[in-house]
Amino acid sequence: MAMRVNIATTDPPAPIRWTVDDYHRAIDAGLFDDRRVELVDGEIYEMPPMREPHIGAAMYLERTFAPLLASNRLLIDKPIILPQDGEPEPDIAVVRAGAPLKPSVEDVLLLIEVSHATRRFDRGLKLQAYLRDGLQELWIADIVGGELLVYRAGELTATFRPGQGRQIAGVQVPEITVDVDALFAAAGPIG
């Protein structure tokens, strides 16, 4: 005799939400080995390997922001803590003087994501997490789309494209200027 199950009254399985503390314990236990993972909105995402366009653009940004290294205000591929169970590792983060090694979003003056293989994620879920959690200034260098998106105080305030001869500086980091044409030229051809 077949057993009947009333599908309308069964609950779907619930995903496990990871906290930052859970995530740290898993890292300490070696759960992820050498895999590149990030915690965003309580979920763990494995990041794909960086390809040449991403590397080229990120290296340009690293060289441009290098004067901030001496003051310990520049983080390159280092984690920041988001209040709603997040620990992403942006390509560039400029933090206030005296910020902890794993700064909170309040310590971040400017954050830059180079978006290539992770374009949908960077412009979708990750962007929403950054904005919701109060990041004041975020730039997304969308290598595939050929545009630099500038978000300030939770709003898209500008879009720059290569070939316009534009330069940009962060509101709280006016001493560093990024040449938009040079940024996209450093990414090289998209393949």
Foldseek 3Di string as FASTA:
>chain_A
DDDDDDPVPDDDDDDQFAAVVNVVVCVVVCVQPPFDWWKFLRDIDTDDDDDLLQVQLLVLVCVLCVVCVVQVQKDAQAWEDFPRRTTGRARIWGFDRPADSHHYLVRTQETEHEDDPCNCVVVDRVLVSSLVRFNAWYWYCDLVVQWIFIDGNSRGDDIDGAPPQDWDAGPVGNVGIDGSNSSNVSSPDRD
